[in-house]
Amino acid sequence: MKLTEEQWRFIEPLIPKVRVRKDRRGRPWKNQRDVLEGILWILKTGARWKDLPEGRHPPYQTCHRRFQEWVQSKVMERILRTLVEHLRERGKIDLAETFIDASFVEAKKGVQKLAKPNLVRAQRSWQSSIIRLFLSPYPLKVLHRMRVNLLKERFGKDIRKTFLNDLSETKLTIAIHWMPDLQDDIESGLLLPTSQIAKSHRLKMDELLEDTKEDGKWNDSLHGSNILDG
């Protein structure tokens, strides 16, 4: 997966400098950008490390080793968070946003109906690549923490007791960006972004808790959050 020059400018400062031995012995480190693009290719495609295309990327052993190092040191998490922020700022797509069924939302007294959010339906290739990257297990967990922390800031810690804390809800926020039916639900007001709710509306917290099953999921078995399961 190729990074744009702009994305690389954001990410490069996050990556540790290449270590060079004083005696200049040993193999020189591979280019950090090439290694990262190899890692992102594996995460996006879900392929095995040994299937990393030769010639286009550094050896899979190098990419795998660097990925493990960067995960342990939290460098990889910072890279993924930066990609989410870049997508929001430059691509006008917020993967950390949570959309909720409108039946769980009520307006505060004297507040008018929420404005319809603007969705990017015609995505550029780099936008689509980043969106689909976050369906991979590790990026998905990073995005999930980002999304849930935002909810906690907006609505308090009790939100973690509801189905909005479930990983399937994070999958739903990703799927929204390429599924026309879900986009139609947003434009029609059936699904609402929580970023708008926090200021002028309130969540029906009692109903959210009541509709959350013991496994943390929503009682509604037809809910779209299950569309990517299995």
Protein backbone atom coordinates (compact mmCIF):
# COMPACT_ATOMS: atom_id res chain seq x y z
CA MET A 1 0.00 0.00 0.00
CA LYS A 2 1.55 3.26 -1.18
CA LEU A 3 1.48 6.35 1.02
CA THR A 4 1.01 9.77 -0.51
CA GLU A 5 3.80 12.30 -0.05
CA GLU A 6 1.54 14.27 2.27
CA GLN A 7 0.78 11.23 4.42
CA TRP A 8 4.47 10.42 4.67
CA ARG A 9 5.27 13.96 5.86
CA PHE A 10 2.83 13.43 8.72
CA ILE A 11 4.13 9.96 9.58
CA GLU A 12 7.90 10.22 9.12
CA PRO A 13 8.53 12.10 12.42
CA LEU A 14 6.83 9.26 14.33
CA ILE A 15 9.25 6.58 13.16
CA PRO A 16 12.51 6.02 15.06
CA LYS A 17 15.64 7.01 13.20
CA VAL A 18 17.60 4.24 11.54
CA ARG A 19 20.27 2.87 13.89
CA VAL A 20 23.77 2.94 12.44
CA ARG A 21 26.65 1.13 14.17
CA LYS A 22 29.69 3.26 14.90
CA ASP A 23 31.95 0.70 13.22
CA ARG A 24 29.62 0.69 10.16
CA ARG A 25 29.43 -3.11 10.29
CA GLY A 26 26.33 -5.16 9.71
CA ARG A 27 23.63 -4.84 7.07
CA PRO A 28 22.23 -1.35 6.48
CA TRP A 29 18.62 -0.86 7.53
CA LYS A 30 15.97 -0.89 4.83
CA ASN A 31 14.24 2.37 3.94
CA GLN A 32 11.67 3.07 6.66
CA ARG A 33 8.99 4.20 4.23
CA ASP A 34 9.39 1.05 2.12
CA VAL A 35 9.12 -1.10 5.23
CA LEU A 36 6.00 0.71 6.43
CA GLU A 37 4.32 0.40 3.05
CA GLY A 38 5.03 -3.34 3.14
CA ILE A 39 3.46 -3.58 6.59
CA LEU A 40 0.40 -1.61 5.46
CA TRP A 41 0.04 -3.87 2.40
CA ILE A 42 -0.11 -6.92 4.69
CA LEU A 43 -2.61 -5.26 7.03
CA LYS A 44 -4.87 -4.09 4.19
CA THR A 45 -4.90 -7.36 2.23
CA GLY A 46 -4.86 -9.78 5.17
CA ALA A 47 -2.19 -11.82 3.37
CA ARG A 48 0.45 -13.92 5.09
CA TRP A 49 3.77 -12.22 5.71
CA LYS A 50 5.59 -14.60 3.37
CA ASP A 51 3.21 -13.55 0.57
CA LEU A 52 4.50 -9.97 0.60
CA PRO A 53 5.36 -9.27 -3.07
CA GLU A 54 9.09 -9.52 -3.68
CA GLY A 55 10.67 -6.60 -5.48
CA ARG A 56 7.91 -4.18 -4.55
CA HIS A 57 8.69 -4.30 -0.82
CA PRO A 58 11.59 -5.22 1.49
CA PRO A 59 11.88 -8.87 2.58
CA TYR A 60 8.87 -10.03 4.54
CA GLN A 61 11.09 -11.00 7.48
CA THR A 62 12.24 -7.37 7.79
CA CYS A 63 8.70 -6.00 7.58
CA HIS A 64 7.39 -8.54 10.08
CA ARG A 65 10.21 -7.87 12.56
CA ARG A 66 9.77 -4.11 12.30
CA PHE A 67 5.99 -4.44 12.70
CA GLN A 68 6.45 -6.38 15.94
CA GLU A 69 8.94 -3.80 17.22
CA TRP A 70 6.66 -0.90 16.35
CA VAL A 71 3.61 -2.52 17.92
CA GLN A 72 5.48 -3.14 21.16
CA SER A 73 6.84 0.43 21.26
CA LYS A 74 3.43 1.95 20.34
CA VAL A 75 4.94 3.46 17.18
CA MET A 76 2.47 1.54 15.01
CA GLU A 77 -0.48 2.79 17.03
CA ARG A 78 0.70 6.39 16.63
CA ILE A 79 1.06 5.85 12.88
CA LEU A 80 -2.48 4.51 12.60
CA ARG A 81 -3.90 7.32 14.71
CA THR A 82 -2.14 9.79 12.44
CA LEU A 83 -3.69 8.17 9.37
CA VAL A 84 -7.14 8.53 10.97
CA GLU A 85 -6.49 12.21 11.71
CA HIS A 86 -5.12 12.84 8.22
CA LEU A 87 -8.20 11.21 6.68
CA ARG A 88 -10.44 13.41 8.81
CA GLU A 89 -8.59 16.65 8.11
CA ARG A 90 -7.69 16.15 4.44
CA GLY A 91 -10.22 13.61 3.28
CA LYS A 92 -13.25 14.89 5.24
CA ILE A 93 -13.96 11.36 6.51
CA ASP A 94 -14.03 10.72 10.25
CA LEU A 95 -13.54 7.01 10.94
CA ALA A 96 -13.70 7.61 14.70
CA GLU A 97 -17.25 8.99 14.47
CA THR A 98 -20.08 6.89 15.91
CA PHE A 99 -23.49 6.77 14.26
CA ILE A 100 -26.48 5.77 16.34
CA ASP A 101 -30.07 4.82 15.65
CA ALA A 102 -32.18 7.97 15.88
CA SER A 103 -34.64 6.26 18.23
CA PHE A 104 -32.04 6.55 21.01
CA VAL A 105 -31.73 10.34 20.62
CA GLU A 106 -33.93 13.15 21.86
CA ALA A 107 -33.60 16.89 21.40
CA LYS A 108 -33.13 19.25 24.30
CA LYS A 109 -35.98 21.67 24.91
CA GLY A 110 -36.30 24.29 22.19
CA VAL A 111 -33.71 22.69 19.91
CA GLN A 112 -34.49 22.23 16.25
CA LYS A 113 -33.83 19.13 14.19
CA LEU A 114 -30.19 18.18 13.63
CA ALA A 115 -28.59 19.28 10.38
CA LYS A 116 -27.85 16.49 7.92
CA PRO A 117 -24.16 15.49 7.91
CA ASN A 118 -22.16 15.69 4.70
CA LEU A 119 -20.88 12.28 3.58
CA VAL A 120 -18.13 11.72 1.04
CA ARG A 121 -19.74 9.26 -1.37
CA ALA A 122 -17.27 9.64 -4.24
CA GLN A 123 -14.06 8.61 -2.52
CA ARG A 124 -10.58 8.94 -3.94
CA SER A 125 -8.37 5.85 -4.08
CA TRP A 126 -6.21 6.94 -1.14
CA GLN A 127 -9.31 7.52 0.99
CA SER A 128 -10.69 4.06 0.20
CA SER A 129 -7.32 2.44 0.91
CA ILE A 130 -7.12 3.94 4.39
CA ILE A 131 -10.74 3.08 5.21
CA ARG A 132 -10.31 -0.59 4.29
CA LEU A 133 -6.98 -0.79 6.12
CA PHE A 134 -8.87 -0.44 9.41
CA LEU A 135 -10.80 -3.67 8.88
CA SER A 136 -7.59 -5.53 9.73
CA PRO A 137 -7.55 -6.78 13.38
CA TYR A 138 -4.78 -4.59 14.78
CA PRO A 139 -5.81 -1.29 13.08
CA LEU A 140 -9.43 -2.07 14.01
CA LYS A 141 -8.51 -2.30 17.70
CA VAL A 142 -6.66 1.03 17.51
CA LEU A 143 -9.64 2.70 15.84
CA HIS A 144 -12.00 1.10 18.35
CA ARG A 145 -10.12 2.66 21.27
CA MET A 146 -10.18 6.05 19.55
CA ARG A 147 -13.93 5.83 18.91
CA VAL A 148 -14.85 4.66 22.41
CA ASN A 149 -12.66 7.30 24.07
CA LEU A 150 -14.46 9.98 22.05
CA LEU A 151 -17.81 8.62 23.20
CA LYS A 152 -16.64 8.64 26.81
CA GLU A 153 -15.57 12.28 26.48
CA ARG A 154 -18.94 13.24 25.01
CA PHE A 155 -21.33 11.21 27.14
CA GLY A 156 -19.48 9.98 30.23
CA LYS A 157 -18.09 6.63 31.34
CA ASP A 158 -21.48 4.89 31.45
CA ILE A 159 -21.43 4.77 27.65
CA ARG A 160 -18.97 1.87 27.97
CA LYS A 161 -21.77 -0.22 29.49
CA THR A 162 -23.85 0.06 26.30
CA PHE A 163 -23.65 -1.72 22.95
CA LEU A 164 -21.87 1.35 21.54
CA ASN A 165 -18.77 -0.01 23.31
CA ASP A 166 -18.86 -3.21 21.23
CA LEU A 167 -16.28 -3.81 18.50
CA SER A 168 -19.05 -4.51 15.99
CA GLU A 169 -20.09 -0.86 16.28
CA THR A 170 -16.62 0.18 15.14
CA LYS A 171 -16.96 -2.15 12.14
CA LEU A 172 -20.23 -0.41 11.37
CA THR A 173 -18.59 3.03 11.35
CA ILE A 174 -16.14 1.72 8.74
CA ALA A 175 -18.81 0.05 6.60
CA ILE A 176 -20.88 3.23 6.50
CA HIS A 177 -18.35 4.81 4.18
CA TRP A 178 -18.92 2.40 1.30
CA MET A 179 -22.43 0.99 1.81
CA PRO A 180 -25.10 3.09 0.05
CA ASP A 181 -27.96 1.74 2.20
CA LEU A 182 -26.28 2.94 5.40
CA GLN A 183 -25.41 6.28 3.81
CA ASP A 184 -29.07 6.67 2.84
CA ASP A 185 -30.03 6.02 6.48
CA ILE A 186 -27.74 8.86 7.58
CA GLU A 187 -29.05 11.30 5.00
CA SER A 188 -32.64 10.42 5.91
CA GLY A 189 -31.95 10.91 9.63
CA LEU A 190 -32.36 7.28 10.69
CA LEU A 191 -28.72 7.19 11.79
CA LEU A 192 -27.24 10.20 13.59
CA PRO A 193 -23.58 11.17 14.24
CA THR A 194 -22.80 11.47 17.93
CA SER A 195 -20.61 14.54 17.33
CA GLN A 196 -23.79 16.51 16.61
CA ILE A 197 -25.82 14.91 19.37
CA ALA A 198 -23.55 15.96 22.22
CA LYS A 199 -24.21 19.71 21.94
CA SER A 200 -27.91 20.03 21.26
CA HIS A 201 -29.40 16.59 21.93
CA ARG A 202 -29.11 13.86 24.53
CA LEU A 203 -28.89 10.11 24.43
CA LYS A 204 -31.63 8.03 26.01
CA MET A 205 -29.12 6.28 28.24
CA ASP A 206 -31.70 4.14 30.04
CA GLU A 207 -32.92 2.73 26.74
CA LEU A 208 -29.36 2.16 25.53
CA LEU A 209 -28.59 0.15 28.66
CA GLU A 210 -31.88 -1.74 28.46
CA ASP A 211 -31.23 -2.72 24.83
CA THR A 212 -27.71 -3.96 25.50
CA LYS A 213 -27.43 -7.73 25.85
CA GLU A 214 -25.16 -9.52 28.32
CA ASP A 215 -22.55 -9.99 25.57
CA GLY A 216 -22.45 -6.23 25.03
CA LYS A 217 -24.29 -6.23 21.71
CA TRP A 218 -27.59 -4.62 20.72
CA ASN A 219 -30.78 -6.63 21.22
CA ASP A 220 -31.89 -5.81 17.67
CA SER A 221 -30.73 -8.86 15.73
CA LEU A 222 -31.26 -7.05 12.43
CA HIS A 223 -28.91 -4.23 13.36
CA GLY A 224 -26.38 -3.33 10.66
CA SER A 225 -23.41 -3.69 13.05
CA ASN A 226 -23.41 -7.41 12.28
CA ILE A 227 -22.92 -7.00 8.55
CA LEU A 228 -19.17 -7.53 8.70
CA ASP A 229 -19.18 -10.37 11.20
CA GLY A 230 -18.28 -13.87 10.24
